[in-house]
Amino acid sequence: MTLSQLPTLAIAPAQVVRGDGILVGQGSAIARLGQRPLVVGGSSSLKLADPLMAALEQQGLATQTANYGSDCSEAALEHLRTAATEHRADVVIGLGGGKALDAAKLLAHQLRCPVVTVPTSGATCAAWTALSNVYSDQGAFLYDVALDNCPSLLILDYDLLRTAPRRTLVAGIGDGLAKWYEAAISSGTSQQTLLVAAVQQARVLRDILLQKTPAALSQWGGPEWQEVVDATVLLAGVIGGIGGAQCRTVAAHAVHNGLTQLPACHGILHGEKVAYGILVQLRLEEMGGNAALARAARQQLLPFYQTVGLPQTLADLGLGDITLNQLAQAAEFACREGSDIHHLPFTVAPEAVMAAMVSPLCPELREKSRSALPVRPSSRVAPEVQP
């Protein structure tokens, strides 16, 4: 790859402001970006908007709110574009979880105006990244959109995040852990400086989460909790920013995308499905020739999953009664053409994914999946797992 072929990177928000109770003081920073903000959120997150609305009112800004619904879908985006046009919005503010922030970012991208992200939980790094995922109105993943820029302003108010359910941060921990297991594969054998840095940051992120999560969850709102929130919301975003498209998702997120095709999965959080997907990816790596390293990584993760409450099996996801046809539907979508699962250094068929997904608690499916097509072993050795 020549210098002229190197990808353009959208690395980080132009400004990150964080602290306790800071949202009410960010009106002037937002006013520098626009005078007619459109605040995008869901019904739950918009109920938390009072400090933000007070900040905007203090600056005399003409503010309107818009409910995106429940998914960042094409229909939701059309509704938001209409609301933005009618309001003559010149800045978009996303308030909420990952889907609300993705909708706000993609709307601003389409309108070519600045976007401000205000996460209300530590469930994902969506507040940081120049990427939006688009779903169907029923919650099935369709495609993602690479955006030109990261947000102009990210406001991380710890007081706001302390009100979020514990489950959302646990999901963010699962999503954050995937950065290491996926980046170490998707970056390949490249020795490019920024890719090496991104992969090492992913290792640091994993170690922070493994070490600090128990204390963070037992002392909610304390120093370790704040460190873990910074890790799931901010550091996780740094990795994708520095590494770019060569350092993002592989099988863990592909499994997530496949599971979203099943209506029974729509109440399961993004990071919960991704965390389960990590274990599926490691099983695929065992099948693909890296048995010892992948098995060691899985054995390291399982006690941690048990401690914090991350799903280890289909039954843990509430899918203990999944049918073989449903399993095949998820696996086939995970293996569709262009899926990130093909960043694995060996060929993966849907049957192999089905075999890797099947829980020990579903013996019938396990037996039926024994006919999985073999994967082609790879000569590439996965990075060594560090405790």
Protein backbone atom coordinates (compact mmCIF):
# COMPACT_ATOMS: atom_id res chain seq x y z
CA MET A 1 0.00 0.00 0.00
CA THR A 2 1.45 3.35 -1.03
CA LEU A 3 1.06 6.55 0.94
CA SER A 4 -1.55 7.76 -1.53
CA GLN A 5 -3.62 4.64 -0.79
CA LEU A 6 -3.64 4.96 2.97
CA PRO A 7 -7.17 5.38 4.33
CA THR A 8 -8.39 8.64 5.75
CA LEU A 9 -8.99 8.28 9.48
CA ALA A 10 -11.69 9.87 11.62
CA ILE A 11 -9.91 9.34 14.91
CA ALA A 12 -11.68 11.23 17.67
CA PRO A 13 -14.29 13.84 18.58
CA ALA A 14 -13.04 17.40 18.22
CA GLN A 15 -13.68 17.90 21.95
CA VAL A 16 -14.48 15.58 24.84
CA VAL A 17 -15.88 17.10 28.04
CA ARG A 18 -16.37 14.87 31.07
CA GLY A 19 -17.22 15.29 34.71
CA ASP A 20 -19.99 15.14 37.29
CA GLY A 21 -23.11 17.21 36.55
CA ILE A 22 -21.48 19.04 33.66
CA LEU A 23 -24.30 18.80 31.12
CA VAL A 24 -26.08 21.91 32.34
CA GLY A 25 -22.93 23.97 31.71
CA GLN A 26 -22.38 22.99 28.06
CA GLY A 27 -24.73 25.48 26.41
CA SER A 28 -22.00 27.84 25.25
CA ALA A 29 -19.98 25.00 23.70
CA ILE A 30 -23.05 23.86 21.77
CA ALA A 31 -23.90 27.43 20.77
CA ARG A 32 -20.54 27.67 19.00
CA LEU A 33 -21.68 24.83 16.74
CA GLY A 34 -25.18 26.07 15.89
CA GLN A 35 -28.17 28.14 16.94
CA ARG A 36 -31.02 25.75 16.11
CA PRO A 37 -30.30 22.39 17.75
CA LEU A 38 -32.39 19.30 17.16
CA VAL A 39 -32.17 16.95 20.15
CA VAL A 40 -32.56 13.31 19.02
CA GLY A 41 -33.35 10.59 21.55
CA GLY A 42 -35.74 7.85 22.53
CA SER A 43 -38.71 8.21 24.85
CA SER A 44 -36.65 7.17 27.90
CA SER A 45 -33.58 9.28 27.18
CA LEU A 46 -35.56 12.41 26.34
CA LYS A 47 -36.99 12.27 29.87
CA LEU A 48 -33.42 12.89 31.05
CA ALA A 49 -32.99 15.96 28.86
CA ASP A 50 -33.88 18.65 31.44
CA PRO A 51 -30.25 19.68 32.21
CA LEU A 52 -29.49 19.83 28.49
CA MET A 53 -32.61 21.83 27.68
CA ALA A 54 -31.79 24.23 30.51
CA ALA A 55 -28.29 24.72 29.09
CA LEU A 56 -29.67 25.45 25.63
CA GLU A 57 -32.32 27.80 26.97
CA GLN A 58 -29.70 29.80 28.85
CA GLN A 59 -28.00 30.48 25.51
CA GLY A 60 -31.26 31.51 23.83
CA LEU A 61 -31.05 28.68 21.30
CA ALA A 62 -34.10 27.63 19.31
CA THR A 63 -34.35 23.99 20.33
CA GLN A 64 -36.58 21.16 19.16
CA THR A 65 -36.67 17.50 20.20
CA ALA A 66 -37.29 14.48 17.97
CA ASN A 67 -37.97 10.91 19.07
CA TYR A 68 -36.14 8.47 16.81
CA GLY A 69 -38.26 5.52 17.96
CA SER A 70 -36.48 2.34 18.95
CA ASP A 71 -34.08 1.64 16.06
CA CYS A 72 -31.76 3.58 13.81
CA SER A 73 -33.74 2.54 10.74
CA GLU A 74 -34.30 4.07 7.33
CA ALA A 75 -37.85 5.00 8.32
CA ALA A 76 -36.63 6.61 11.55
CA LEU A 77 -34.01 8.58 9.63
CA GLU A 78 -36.62 9.81 7.16
CA HIS A 79 -38.75 11.01 10.09
CA LEU A 80 -35.73 12.75 11.63
CA ARG A 81 -34.77 14.43 8.36
CA THR A 82 -38.30 15.83 8.09
CA ALA A 83 -38.13 17.11 11.68
CA ALA A 84 -34.71 18.67 11.05
CA THR A 85 -35.86 20.34 7.84
CA GLU A 86 -38.98 21.77 9.44
CA HIS A 87 -36.95 23.09 12.36
CA ARG A 88 -34.15 24.34 10.11
CA ALA A 89 -31.69 22.58 12.41
CA ASP A 90 -28.03 23.54 12.10
CA VAL A 91 -26.68 21.19 14.78
CA VAL A 92 -27.86 17.75 15.94
CA ILE A 93 -27.56 16.55 19.53
CA GLY A 94 -27.82 12.82 20.18
CA LEU A 95 -28.95 11.89 23.69
CA GLY A 96 -29.23 8.24 24.71
CA GLY A 97 -27.79 4.82 24.01
CA GLY A 98 -26.02 3.45 20.96
CA LYS A 99 -28.96 3.44 18.55
CA ALA A 100 -30.02 6.99 19.44
CA LEU A 101 -26.45 8.21 19.00
CA ASP A 102 -26.05 6.34 15.72
CA ALA A 103 -29.27 7.90 14.44
CA ALA A 104 -28.14 11.39 15.47
CA LYS A 105 -24.69 10.94 13.90
CA LEU A 106 -26.06 9.62 10.63
CA LEU A 107 -28.68 12.38 10.49
CA ALA A 108 -26.01 15.04 10.97
CA HIS A 109 -23.86 13.33 8.33
CA GLN A 110 -26.74 13.50 5.86
CA LEU A 111 -27.50 17.11 6.74
CA ARG A 112 -23.79 18.02 6.70
CA CYS A 113 -24.00 19.72 10.07
CA PRO A 114 -22.17 19.20 13.39
CA VAL A 115 -23.28 16.56 15.88
CA VAL A 116 -22.98 16.48 19.67
CA THR A 117 -23.21 13.14 21.47
CA VAL A 118 -24.45 12.76 25.05
CA PRO A 119 -24.38 9.10 26.12
CA THR A 120 -26.77 8.06 28.87
CA SER A 121 -25.09 4.72 29.58
CA GLY A 122 -21.74 3.00 29.21
CA ALA A 123 -23.16 0.35 26.89
CA THR A 124 -21.16 1.20 23.74
CA CYS A 125 -18.54 3.51 22.23
CA ALA A 126 -21.11 4.97 19.80
CA ALA A 127 -20.67 8.43 21.33
CA TRP A 128 -17.09 8.48 20.00
CA THR A 129 -17.05 6.80 16.62
CA ALA A 130 -17.52 7.88 13.01
CA LEU A 131 -19.80 4.94 12.29
CA SER A 132 -23.55 4.29 12.40
CA ASN A 133 -25.35 0.96 12.24
CA VAL A 134 -28.69 0.84 10.42
CA TYR A 135 -31.38 -1.66 11.39
CA SER A 136 -34.78 -2.63 10.06
CA ASP A 137 -37.87 -1.31 11.83
CA GLN A 138 -38.05 -4.73 13.49
CA GLY A 139 -34.50 -4.41 14.89
CA ALA A 140 -32.59 -6.61 12.41
CA PHE A 141 -29.13 -5.35 11.46
CA LEU A 142 -28.93 -4.24 7.82
CA TYR A 143 -25.68 -2.36 7.19
CA ASP A 144 -23.29 0.20 8.65
CA VAL A 145 -22.29 3.61 7.35
CA ALA A 146 -18.82 5.07 7.70
CA LEU A 147 -19.14 8.77 8.52
CA ASP A 148 -16.82 11.57 7.47
CA ASN A 149 -16.11 12.77 10.99
CA CYS A 150 -16.36 11.86 14.62
CA PRO A 151 -18.70 14.08 16.67
CA SER A 152 -17.77 17.72 17.14
CA LEU A 153 -18.44 17.43 20.87
CA LEU A 154 -18.84 14.47 23.23
CA ILE A 155 -20.31 15.28 26.64
CA LEU A 156 -19.74 12.53 29.21
CA ASP A 157 -21.70 13.42 32.34
CA TYR A 158 -21.02 10.77 34.97
CA ASP A 159 -24.08 11.84 36.98
CA LEU A 160 -26.22 10.95 33.97
CA LEU A 161 -24.56 7.57 33.51
CA ARG A 162 -24.93 6.68 37.19
CA THR A 163 -28.70 6.55 36.64
CA ALA A 164 -28.35 3.87 33.93
CA PRO A 165 -29.16 0.24 34.76
CA ARG A 166 -26.22 -1.97 35.74
CA ARG A 167 -27.03 -4.22 32.80
CA THR A 168 -26.12 -1.52 30.28
CA LEU A 169 -22.58 -1.11 31.61
CA VAL A 170 -22.12 -4.88 31.72
CA ALA A 171 -23.14 -4.96 28.06
CA GLY A 172 -20.61 -2.21 27.32
CA ILE A 173 -17.93 -4.28 29.01
CA GLY A 174 -18.76 -7.17 26.70
CA ASP A 175 -18.64 -4.89 23.67
CA GLY A 176 -15.33 -3.42 24.84
CA LEU A 177 -13.71 -6.81 25.39
CA ALA A 178 -14.42 -7.68 21.75
CA LYS A 179 -12.02 -4.94 20.63
CA TRP A 180 -9.02 -7.11 21.52
CA TYR A 181 -10.33 -10.42 20.21
CA GLU A 182 -11.43 -8.85 16.93
CA ALA A 183 -8.71 -6.22 16.37
CA ALA A 184 -5.97 -8.78 16.85
CA ILE A 185 -7.47 -10.69 13.91
CA SER A 186 -8.74 -7.92 11.61
CA SER A 187 -5.42 -6.06 11.68
CA GLY A 188 -3.73 -9.12 10.18
CA THR A 189 0.06 -9.23 10.25
CA SER A 190 0.43 -5.54 9.44
CA GLN A 191 3.25 -3.68 11.14
CA GLN A 192 1.83 -0.23 10.32
CA THR A 193 2.46 1.99 13.30
CA LEU A 194 -1.13 3.05 13.90
CA LEU A 195 -2.48 -0.47 13.50
CA VAL A 196 0.07 -1.80 15.97
CA ALA A 197 -0.89 1.01 18.37
CA ALA A 198 -4.59 0.25 17.98
CA VAL A 199 -4.12 -3.44 18.69
CA GLN A 200 -2.02 -2.70 21.76
CA GLN A 201 -4.66 -0.26 22.98
CA ALA A 202 -7.20 -3.06 22.54
CA ARG A 203 -5.05 -5.25 24.77
CA VAL A 204 -4.87 -2.45 27.36
CA LEU A 205 -8.66 -2.05 27.18
CA ARG A 206 -9.17 -5.76 27.76
CA ASP A 207 -6.84 -5.75 30.76
CA ILE A 208 -8.51 -2.69 32.31
CA LEU A 209 -11.93 -4.33 31.98
CA LEU A 210 -10.78 -7.66 33.39
CA GLN A 211 -9.05 -6.01 36.33
CA LYS A 212 -11.37 -3.14 37.25
CA THR A 213 -14.86 -4.42 36.44
CA PRO A 214 -15.56 -6.37 39.67
CA ALA A 215 -14.82 -3.32 41.84
CA ALA A 216 -16.67 -1.03 39.42
CA LEU A 217 -19.85 -3.06 39.67
CA SER A 218 -19.64 -3.55 43.44
CA GLN A 219 -18.96 0.17 44.12
CA TRP A 220 -21.33 1.81 41.65
CA GLY A 221 -20.34 5.36 40.83
CA GLY A 222 -16.93 5.11 42.48
CA PRO A 223 -13.45 5.61 41.01
CA GLU A 224 -13.21 2.13 39.42
CA TRP A 225 -16.71 2.55 37.98
CA GLN A 226 -15.58 5.80 36.35
CA GLU A 227 -12.47 4.10 34.95
CA VAL A 228 -14.59 1.37 33.42
CA VAL A 229 -17.03 3.90 31.93
CA ASP A 230 -14.08 5.77 30.39
CA ALA A 231 -12.88 2.45 28.98
CA THR A 232 -16.19 1.38 27.41
CA VAL A 233 -17.21 4.79 26.05
CA LEU A 234 -13.90 6.49 25.25
CA LEU A 235 -10.97 4.08 24.99
CA ALA A 236 -13.01 1.61 22.96
CA GLY A 237 -13.64 4.40 20.47
CA VAL A 238 -9.95 5.29 20.28
CA ILE A 239 -9.13 1.82 18.97
CA GLY A 240 -11.49 2.01 16.01
CA GLY A 241 -10.39 5.59 15.34
CA ILE A 242 -6.67 4.88 15.20
CA GLY A 243 -7.00 1.50 13.54
CA GLY A 244 -9.70 2.50 11.07
CA ALA A 245 -11.49 -0.11 8.99
CA GLN A 246 -8.55 -2.51 9.33
CA CYS A 247 -9.01 -2.72 13.07
CA ARG A 248 -12.66 -3.25 13.74
CA THR A 249 -15.11 -6.12 13.88
CA VAL A 250 -14.74 -9.82 13.02
CA ALA A 251 -16.82 -12.82 14.12
CA ALA A 252 -18.09 -11.51 17.46
CA HIS A 253 -19.99 -8.66 15.82
CA ALA A 254 -20.95 -10.84 12.83
CA VAL A 255 -22.64 -13.25 15.26
CA HIS A 256 -24.40 -10.27 16.84
CA ASN A 257 -25.62 -9.18 13.41
CA GLY A 258 -26.89 -12.68 12.72
CA LEU A 259 -28.73 -12.92 16.01
CA THR A 260 -30.53 -9.63 15.36
CA GLN A 261 -32.34 -11.36 12.50
CA LEU A 262 -34.30 -13.36 15.09
CA PRO A 263 -37.26 -11.53 16.71
CA ALA A 264 -36.56 -13.31 20.00
CA CYS A 265 -33.22 -11.45 20.24
CA HIS A 266 -34.56 -7.92 20.08
CA GLY A 267 -34.71 -7.50 23.84
CA ILE A 268 -31.06 -8.54 24.20
CA LEU A 269 -28.57 -5.68 24.40
CA HIS A 270 -25.93 -5.15 21.71
CA GLY A 271 -23.01 -5.85 24.01
CA GLU A 272 -24.62 -8.99 25.40
CA LYS A 273 -24.86 -10.50 21.92
CA VAL A 274 -21.31 -9.37 21.12
CA ALA A 275 -19.95 -10.90 24.33
CA TYR A 276 -21.52 -14.22 23.39
CA GLY A 277 -20.09 -13.71 19.89
CA ILE A 278 -16.57 -13.52 21.33
CA LEU A 279 -16.94 -17.06 22.65
CA VAL A 280 -18.29 -18.21 19.27
CA GLN A 281 -15.29 -16.61 17.54
CA LEU A 282 -12.90 -18.38 19.88
CA ARG A 283 -14.59 -21.70 19.16
CA LEU A 284 -14.17 -21.02 15.43
CA GLU A 285 -10.50 -20.25 16.01
CA GLU A 286 -10.15 -23.58 17.82
CA MET A 287 -11.68 -25.29 14.79
CA GLY A 288 -9.46 -23.27 12.46
CA GLY A 289 -6.14 -24.44 13.85
CA ASN A 290 -5.39 -22.20 16.85
CA ALA A 291 -6.86 -24.59 19.38
CA ALA A 292 -4.53 -24.10 22.33
CA LEU A 293 -4.50 -20.29 22.27
CA ALA A 294 -8.22 -19.95 21.59
CA ARG A 295 -9.06 -22.46 24.31
CA ALA A 296 -6.85 -20.61 26.79
CA ALA A 297 -8.55 -17.32 25.93
CA ARG A 298 -12.00 -18.86 26.40
CA GLN A 299 -11.02 -20.43 29.72
CA GLN A 300 -9.78 -17.03 30.87
CA LEU A 301 -13.04 -15.33 29.92
CA LEU A 302 -15.58 -17.81 31.28
CA PRO A 303 -15.01 -17.12 35.02
CA PHE A 304 -15.11 -13.39 34.29
CA TYR A 305 -18.36 -13.79 32.38
CA GLN A 306 -19.79 -15.74 35.28
CA THR A 307 -18.77 -13.08 37.79
CA VAL A 308 -20.19 -10.07 35.94
CA GLY A 309 -23.19 -11.75 34.34
CA LEU A 310 -22.25 -11.86 30.66
CA PRO A 311 -23.93 -14.59 28.59
CA GLN A 312 -21.94 -17.72 27.90
CA THR A 313 -24.57 -19.75 26.05
CA LEU A 314 -27.65 -19.42 23.90
CA ALA A 315 -29.66 -20.30 27.00
CA ASP A 316 -28.08 -17.36 28.86
CA LEU A 317 -29.35 -15.14 26.03
CA GLY A 318 -32.84 -16.53 26.54
CA LEU A 319 -32.55 -18.66 23.40
CA GLY A 320 -32.48 -22.12 24.96
CA ASP A 321 -35.47 -23.12 22.80
CA ILE A 322 -34.04 -21.86 19.51
CA THR A 323 -34.85 -24.11 16.55
CA LEU A 324 -32.37 -25.43 14.04
CA ASN A 325 -33.95 -23.28 11.31
CA GLN A 326 -33.57 -20.15 13.46
CA LEU A 327 -29.98 -21.03 14.23
CA ALA A 328 -29.32 -21.53 10.52
CA GLN A 329 -30.90 -18.14 9.74
CA ALA A 330 -28.58 -16.37 12.17
CA ALA A 331 -25.49 -18.28 10.99
CA GLU A 332 -26.23 -17.67 7.32
CA PHE A 333 -26.58 -13.94 7.89
CA ALA A 334 -23.35 -13.92 9.90
CA CYS A 335 -21.62 -15.56 6.90
CA ARG A 336 -23.26 -13.52 4.14
CA GLU A 337 -21.04 -12.00 1.45
CA GLY A 338 -19.15 -9.01 2.81
CA SER A 339 -19.62 -10.01 6.45
CA ASP A 340 -16.80 -9.15 8.82
CA ILE A 341 -16.62 -12.82 9.81
CA HIS A 342 -14.55 -13.31 6.66
CA HIS A 343 -11.72 -11.37 8.28
CA LEU A 344 -10.93 -14.63 10.03
CA PRO A 345 -7.81 -16.13 8.42
CA PHE A 346 -9.66 -19.23 7.27
CA THR A 347 -12.88 -20.03 5.44
CA VAL A 348 -15.99 -20.25 7.59
CA ALA A 349 -19.26 -21.84 6.47
CA PRO A 350 -22.65 -21.27 8.15
CA GLU A 351 -22.62 -24.87 9.37
CA ALA A 352 -19.39 -24.24 11.25
CA VAL A 353 -20.87 -21.13 12.86
CA MET A 354 -23.91 -23.15 13.92
CA ALA A 355 -21.69 -25.74 15.54
CA ALA A 356 -19.73 -23.02 17.35
CA MET A 357 -22.91 -21.28 18.54
CA VAL A 358 -24.61 -24.33 19.98
CA SER A 359 -24.68 -24.37 23.77
CA PRO A 360 -23.97 -27.47 25.84
CA LEU A 361 -27.49 -26.90 27.15
CA CYS A 362 -28.91 -27.67 23.68
CA PRO A 363 -27.71 -31.25 23.00
CA GLU A 364 -30.18 -31.85 20.17
CA LEU A 365 -28.84 -28.92 18.18
CA ARG A 366 -25.29 -29.89 19.00
CA GLU A 367 -25.82 -33.34 17.53
CA LYS A 368 -27.59 -31.99 14.44
CA SER A 369 -24.75 -29.54 13.84
CA ARG A 370 -22.01 -32.17 13.82
CA SER A 371 -22.25 -32.21 10.03
CA ALA A 372 -20.68 -28.74 9.92
CA LEU A 373 -18.42 -28.19 6.97
CA PRO A 374 -14.76 -28.19 8.00
CA VAL A 375 -12.90 -24.89 8.04
CA ARG A 376 -9.53 -24.56 6.37
CA PRO A 377 -6.74 -24.34 8.96
CA SER A 378 -4.64 -21.19 8.94
CA SER A 379 -0.92 -20.83 9.41
CA ARG A 380 -1.47 -17.58 11.24
CA VAL A 381 -1.01 -17.86 15.01
CA ALA A 382 -3.38 -15.79 17.11
CA PRO A 383 -1.80 -13.35 19.60
CA GLU A 384 -0.90 -14.87 22.92
CA VAL A 385 -3.45 -14.31 25.69
CA GLN A 386 -2.15 -12.40 28.68
CA PRO A 387 -3.95 -12.76 32.03
